[in-house]
Amino acid sequence: MPDNIIKKKITLLNSNDYIKSLLLLMKPRVMSLVIFTCAVGLLTAPNTVSLFDAIIGIFFVTIGAGAAGALNMWYEADLDKLMTRTCLRPIPTGKINREDALIFGIILSILSITGLYFFSNLISSILLFATIAFYVFVYTIWLKRKTPQNIVIGGASGALPPVIGWTIATNSLTFEPITFFLIIFFWTPSHFWALSLYKANDYEKAKIPMLPITNGVEETKKNIFIYSLIMLPIVIIPYYIGFAGEIYLIVSLMLTFYYNYVCYDLLKFKKNKFEIKKAKKVFSYSIFYLFLLFVLFLIDQIIR
């Protein structure tokens, strides 16, 4: 095979690897959650939008989430290389340098915010700007290395996508989409603190003051259980304000009661072996739980 063909293939492979690394900077798993919750916010809104407007709106919100992820990885590259959960990310492995990640994140931020403004509306673009800014400056740069409450306060950024989806459709902000925000906001602590229980060594190595490190395992388990209990009144709010019907109420309460149970099950175990297993169960169920809650909103919208 001629040398020029081999060089072209190597260049193409390197280019593909670089593009793949850029996509990984955007945290695809987080983006998938953003796409889903934003779509639910949009689809449950009282206004009907065209398929094109819906897709283009969700696209720019997704790009904005990717921008926040890239900027997060840029700033936390020193921490990521210390943790087994994050050491294979593009910057620690040398596939992307920090400067490229910073430029990529800034470009995506500008593109997503301006794009959402031109194709949707000002309210949506302002909320997207707030989401990115809060995640990068408030959570990543300010809170994460300073307080064990980083997840509690920082969770506000992850709770905004369904609200943005609603504003894309309505060009207004009412109390109904705020219920989406409240659900994700109060769900976040128990979800991430469960993760921090079985990844405590990682956080300790990186000197991130997660609750198990600063307050101990037992205090963390208590907080996980308390936040799971808070979800009970939170899931009732959509029904109380007439945003969701009885089927939503019954099923969401059943799901929440089981969430309370698995969190209590974690709380009562004292042996480390069982704690890790139970913490993983809480973490896994919490993802399933949030997904089903938002599916219930869609089902309720169809039934009603």
Foldseek 3Di string as FASTA:
>chain_A
DDPVVVVVVVVVVLVVLLVVLLQVLLVVVLLVVLLLLLLLLQVLAPFDDDPVLLVQLSVLLSLLSRLLSLLLCLLCVVLQCQAPVRCPRCPNVVSDDSVRSNVSSVVSLVCSLVSNCVSAHNVLSVLSNVLSCCSNPVQRPPPFLPDQCSQLSSQQSSQCSSQSSNCSRVVDGDCLSVLSSVLSNLLRLLQVLLVCLLRVVSCVRSNGPHCCVPPNDLVSLVSSLVSLVVNLVSQCVCVVVPSFHDVLNVVLNVLSVVLNVLSVVLNPDDDSVVNNVSSVVSNVSSVVSSSVNSVRSVVRSVVD
